[in-house]
Amino acid sequence: MQQEPIDPQGLTWTRVSPSYTKVRLVGWGIGALLMLLVLCLPLVLRLTGVWAGFPLWLAIAAPALTLLIDIIRLMLIPRQVAAIGYAEREDDLLVRQGLMFQKVLVIPYGRMQFVDVAVGPIDRMLGLCKVKLHTAAADATAEIPGLPMAEGTRLREALTARGEARLAGL
């Protein structure tokens, strides 16, 4: 994983599974297909004569523009997945994501309230899971999607143990 200016120095990031790209592509594909079908409806109605007053240029431009945006999105998804990572340090966990708008969350182990492991149907088929870290702050919930099941379980147990140890030391 490439070192970015906002990354702490001397840190090795653990990337999520490349299979997570498939999960993102399936979710994106379903939404894109539904949107394209809805936007093609005026074109079909215009061409069949049911909605003769609808401007033909608009009936063609809306699906074409959506298709162009979807193609760009299709090319970005693998890069977005490659930008997701996490790093375990002695006192905290760092979670990184984003290409253009990058974000690094630092979550102290002692501030974690609980750790969830969630699995969706597509995740389950690919052997992946999502680890969610909850803290007392409402906006400090971190997610690490696309982890292999064994790594997600290991991370949950390690974070829970470290959180309990830090909390006991307060």
Protein backbone atom coordinates (compact mmCIF):
# COMPACT_ATOMS: atom_id res chain seq x y z
CA MET A 1 0.00 0.00 0.00
CA GLN A 2 1.36 3.37 -1.02
CA GLN A 3 2.45 5.79 1.72
CA GLU A 4 0.31 8.94 1.70
CA PRO A 5 1.10 12.35 3.27
CA ILE A 6 -1.52 11.87 6.01
CA ASP A 7 -0.15 8.47 7.05
CA PRO A 8 1.96 8.23 10.22
CA GLN A 9 5.62 7.50 9.46
CA GLY A 10 6.99 3.97 9.75
CA LEU A 11 3.60 2.26 9.67
CA THR A 12 2.78 -0.90 7.75
CA TRP A 13 -0.82 -1.05 6.55
CA THR A 14 -2.75 -4.31 6.25
CA ARG A 15 -4.92 -4.25 3.14
CA VAL A 16 -8.37 -5.72 2.85
CA SER A 17 -8.95 -8.72 0.60
CA PRO A 18 -8.91 -8.01 -3.15
CA SER A 19 -12.10 -10.13 -3.30
CA TYR A 20 -13.90 -7.22 -1.66
CA THR A 21 -13.81 -5.58 -5.10
CA LYS A 22 -16.34 -8.20 -6.25
CA VAL A 23 -18.67 -7.34 -3.35
CA ARG A 24 -18.52 -3.65 -4.23
CA LEU A 25 -19.00 -4.35 -7.95
CA VAL A 26 -22.10 -6.49 -7.36
CA GLY A 27 -23.68 -3.86 -5.11
CA TRP A 28 -22.81 -1.09 -7.54
CA GLY A 29 -23.97 -3.14 -10.55
CA ILE A 30 -27.43 -3.78 -9.14
CA GLY A 31 -27.94 -0.09 -8.35
CA ALA A 32 -26.54 1.04 -11.71
CA LEU A 33 -28.71 -1.40 -13.65
CA LEU A 34 -31.88 -0.29 -11.84
CA MET A 35 -31.04 3.38 -12.40
CA LEU A 36 -30.33 2.78 -16.08
CA LEU A 37 -33.63 0.92 -16.52
CA VAL A 38 -35.57 3.77 -14.92
CA LEU A 39 -33.80 6.37 -17.04
CA CYS A 40 -34.40 4.38 -20.24
CA LEU A 41 -38.16 4.28 -19.61
CA PRO A 42 -38.82 7.75 -21.14
CA LEU A 43 -36.81 6.73 -24.22
CA VAL A 44 -38.85 3.55 -24.67
CA LEU A 45 -42.11 5.45 -24.15
CA ARG A 46 -40.99 8.13 -26.64
CA LEU A 47 -39.95 5.60 -29.29
CA THR A 48 -43.18 3.60 -28.96
CA GLY A 49 -45.26 6.79 -29.31
CA VAL A 50 -46.83 6.60 -25.85
CA TRP A 51 -45.10 9.81 -24.71
CA ALA A 52 -44.58 11.61 -28.01
CA GLY A 53 -44.13 15.03 -26.36
CA PHE A 54 -41.02 14.04 -24.38
CA PRO A 55 -37.84 15.57 -25.90
CA LEU A 56 -35.85 12.89 -27.69
CA TRP A 57 -32.49 14.49 -26.84
CA LEU A 58 -33.31 14.32 -23.12
CA ALA A 59 -34.53 10.72 -23.41
CA ILE A 60 -31.16 9.80 -24.94
CA ALA A 61 -28.91 12.12 -22.88
CA ALA A 62 -30.05 10.99 -19.41
CA PRO A 63 -29.21 7.26 -19.85
CA ALA A 64 -26.04 8.10 -21.84
CA LEU A 65 -24.73 10.41 -19.11
CA THR A 66 -25.57 7.85 -16.44
CA LEU A 67 -23.77 5.16 -18.42
CA LEU A 68 -20.68 7.37 -18.71
CA ILE A 69 -20.67 8.03 -14.96
CA ASP A 70 -21.13 4.31 -14.29
CA ILE A 71 -18.14 3.43 -16.47
CA ILE A 72 -15.98 5.90 -14.54
CA ARG A 73 -17.26 4.44 -11.26
CA LEU A 74 -16.47 0.94 -12.52
CA MET A 75 -12.85 1.95 -13.02
CA LEU A 76 -12.62 3.59 -9.56
CA ILE A 77 -13.96 0.75 -7.42
CA PRO A 78 -10.79 -1.43 -7.54
CA ARG A 79 -8.65 1.58 -6.59
CA GLN A 80 -11.03 2.49 -3.75
CA VAL A 81 -10.79 -1.03 -2.36
CA ALA A 82 -7.00 -0.96 -2.61
CA ALA A 83 -6.97 2.26 -0.56
CA ILE A 84 -8.71 0.62 2.45
CA GLY A 85 -6.39 -0.61 5.17
CA TYR A 86 -5.76 -0.83 8.88
CA ALA A 87 -2.79 -0.95 11.21
CA GLU A 88 -2.58 -2.22 14.76
CA ARG A 89 -0.29 -0.26 17.05
CA GLU A 90 0.48 -0.75 20.72
CA ASP A 91 -2.16 1.69 22.03
CA ASP A 92 -4.54 2.21 19.12
CA LEU A 93 -5.91 0.99 15.82
CA LEU A 94 -5.68 3.07 12.64
CA VAL A 95 -8.19 2.70 9.82
CA ARG A 96 -7.49 4.28 6.44
CA GLN A 97 -9.70 4.82 3.39
CA GLY A 98 -10.23 7.12 0.44
CA LEU A 99 -8.55 8.10 -2.80
CA MET A 100 -9.31 11.74 -3.37
CA PHE A 101 -10.67 12.50 0.08
CA GLN A 102 -8.44 10.43 2.35
CA LYS A 103 -9.24 9.69 5.95
CA VAL A 104 -7.26 8.04 8.73
CA LEU A 105 -9.15 7.22 11.94
CA VAL A 106 -7.19 6.60 15.13
CA ILE A 107 -9.14 4.59 17.70
CA PRO A 108 -7.54 4.08 21.12
CA TYR A 109 -8.15 0.56 22.41
CA GLY A 110 -9.33 1.88 25.77
CA ARG A 111 -12.11 3.91 24.08
CA MET A 112 -13.69 1.00 22.21
CA GLN A 113 -17.08 0.03 23.56
CA PHE A 114 -17.71 -3.03 21.42
CA VAL A 115 -16.61 -4.70 18.21
CA ASP A 116 -19.06 -6.17 15.66
CA VAL A 117 -18.40 -8.62 12.88
CA ALA A 118 -21.04 -8.43 10.14
CA VAL A 119 -21.47 -10.71 7.12
CA GLY A 120 -23.78 -10.06 4.16
CA PRO A 121 -24.88 -12.66 1.62
CA ILE A 122 -22.30 -11.72 -1.02
CA ASP A 123 -19.60 -11.43 1.66
CA ARG A 124 -20.49 -14.90 2.90
CA MET A 125 -20.18 -16.41 -0.59
CA LEU A 126 -16.67 -14.95 -0.88
CA GLY A 127 -15.63 -15.76 2.72
CA LEU A 128 -15.42 -12.11 3.78
CA CYS A 129 -16.71 -10.05 6.70
CA LYS A 130 -16.83 -6.48 7.99
CA VAL A 131 -15.47 -5.46 11.40
CA LYS A 132 -17.19 -2.47 13.03
CA LEU A 133 -15.62 -0.63 15.96
CA HIS A 134 -17.92 1.40 18.19
CA THR A 135 -16.73 4.11 20.55
CA ALA A 136 -18.55 6.51 22.87
CA ALA A 137 -18.41 9.28 20.26
CA ALA A 138 -21.31 9.15 17.82
CA ASP A 139 -19.21 9.93 14.74
CA ALA A 140 -16.22 7.74 15.61
CA THR A 141 -17.57 4.41 14.40
CA ALA A 142 -14.98 2.77 12.16
CA GLU A 143 -15.51 -0.03 9.68
CA ILE A 144 -13.01 -2.37 8.10
CA PRO A 145 -14.84 -4.13 5.25
CA GLY A 146 -13.56 -6.96 3.08
CA LEU A 147 -11.62 -8.96 5.65
CA PRO A 148 -11.29 -12.72 5.31
CA MET A 149 -13.42 -14.47 7.96
CA ALA A 150 -10.42 -15.79 9.88
CA GLU A 151 -8.77 -12.35 9.97
CA GLY A 152 -12.04 -10.68 11.00
CA THR A 153 -12.49 -13.12 13.88
CA ARG A 154 -8.86 -12.75 14.94
CA LEU A 155 -9.10 -8.96 14.80
CA ARG A 156 -12.32 -8.93 16.83
CA GLU A 157 -10.77 -11.07 19.57
CA ALA A 158 -7.51 -9.09 19.59
CA LEU A 159 -9.30 -5.72 19.74
CA THR A 160 -11.64 -6.90 22.47
CA ALA A 161 -8.76 -8.22 24.57
CA ARG A 162 -6.71 -5.04 24.09
CA GLY A 163 -9.74 -2.87 24.87
CA GLU A 164 -10.45 -4.75 28.10
CA ALA A 165 -6.80 -4.55 29.13
CA ARG A 166 -6.66 -0.77 28.50
CA LEU A 167 -10.00 -0.20 30.21
CA ALA A 168 -8.87 -2.17 33.27
CA GLY A 169 -5.75 0.00 33.44
CA LEU A 170 -7.78 3.25 33.71
